[in-house]
Amino acid sequence: MAAYLGLDFGTSSVKGVLIDEKQKIVATASSPLKVSRPQSGWSEQNPEDWWKAAGKVVAALRKMKPKMVAAVEGIGLSGQQHGATLLGKDGKVLRPCILWNDARSFRECEEIMAREPKAVPLTGNIPLAGYTAPKLVWVKKHEPHVFEKVAKVLLPKDYIRYRMTGTFGSDMSDSAGTYWLDIAKRQWSDMLLAATDMRRDQMPELFEGTDATGQLTPAVAKAWGMPKRPVVAGGGGDNAASACGIGAVTDGAGFISIGTSGVMFVSNDRFSPNASKMVHAFCHATPNTWHQMGVILSATASLEWLAGVLKEPAPQLTKALGPQLKGPSPALFLPYLSGERTPVGDAQIRGAVLGLGHETDRKALTHAVLDSIAFAFRDSLEALEAGGAKINRLMAVGGGTKSELWLKIMATVLGVPIDLPVAGDVGGAFGAARMGRVAATGTDWRKAFSKPKIARTIAPEKSAANAYLDQYKRYTKIYPAIKGI
């Protein structure tokens, strides 16, 4: 008997999925995380919290399935991208990790492009405040005492790898989001590193997501109840890992992730950038594969924000709307609570609500927020199609898929059917577990990363399509109108 573990280090929680030799999920667990916002636009976490949460997740799985945990032979890692985890020579963390949705380094992006004019052609991406490289430029400028001590820069999941194995490694998909990677060649770029006063020795070793990067140390293996000292796979950025979990690894296969952030993801057999529309063109977690992403910074985060303001849980807000979709909300919401990536690439813009009247109640506001995320996904769809992608249907994963109404809105606005996999709530962790299995067994990843069974399909609501198209057209006029204010 053999088992495999996937750990997904998200923004709001760490999730764990345990699978057997046939890739059947036998147990899941999670542990919550908190985000610190010391200043407006800032977003940080303590890396030690990730490690503690990982231990809690493994302990919970061990309590449920002790024999299966003891049989783990491979572990895969999935994680939130772009976070700057800075380590000194002693391997200790120098400051809290600056997260993907931190907007402080927007000016440093302009400095990188000015210092290295070839940066955008080389990477196929315009540097954004969320990326790792601008964060280090900010640290050098504002915290020079920290910058001079930096021996390694690790992404969140790769810091956990270091704690698990004692090795410094990263995979191609996650590293592509640092702005230090030559994405077409799948290697660190000395030119991009020099543009931010960084060195190659400060970077981890690069691996494919399905490669073995090391084994659990004896101490961690003992603490986690894993006597086989399982190998740890390269893993992937959260979205690439989710793609491995749902089989989106072939050219044109895609999905949407409705989580804290929102992602529209399409797999490609070649590097296909479209920087002008802020499409992320990154390496995939599988060898010789790339992907495109449209990214929304505040997806379910927008709904959680409204829930906090109205002091009512988000599920209750959406439930109050009922299951029927007749048309869009009369109010319009712009979900740019911490800036936006696709298609505007603006870290400084903030959200707005339009069309408020005396009759506007919490239902109208909730509906407007749900509509707005669908419109933001429509922006990404059009940007991806402008870059050459062809999307006829999409699979959906993430916490937002629990709302039937939201899925109907999404399908209607996007104009494509949306498939829901049987295990849609554990996409990243499940994909990580699959990578752990491939790393441990040498199985062909093309066969291992099969598509899951579909629980159900949500079709567009044709009767509401025209009204939503008109509302989307109004939505697209908001940002140009308020940008200068």
Foldseek 3Di string as FASTA:
>chain_A
DAKFKFWEAEDFKIKMFIADPVLDTDDIDIDTADWDDPDVLWTFGALVVSVVRVLVGLVVVCVVPVPHLQRYAFYFYAYAAAWWFFAFPVRDTLDTITALLRQPLAVLLVLLCVLPVCLCVQLLARDFSSANLSVLLVCCVPPVVRSVRGQATDTSRQSVVCVFFVAREAEFARVSRNSQARFQVSGGDPSSCVSSVHDPSRYGHYDFQLAFDGFGDPVVCVSSNHVNRHTYGNHHYQVLLLCLLFVQADAQAWAWEQAQKIKTKHKHLHFQHDHQQLWRWTCHSHPSIIMIMAIFNGGVVQLVVLCVVVVHDSVVLLVVLPQDDQAAQQKAKACQCQHTGGGPSGRPDHMDIPDDDPPDDSNSVSRNSLLNSLLSVLSGVVSVVVRPHDHAEHEYAYPVVVRNNSQQSNQLSNVHKYFYAPPRDCSNRSSRRLSRSCNSPVPDSSVSSYHGDTPDIHHHDVNHNVNSVVVSVVNVPVCVVPVVD
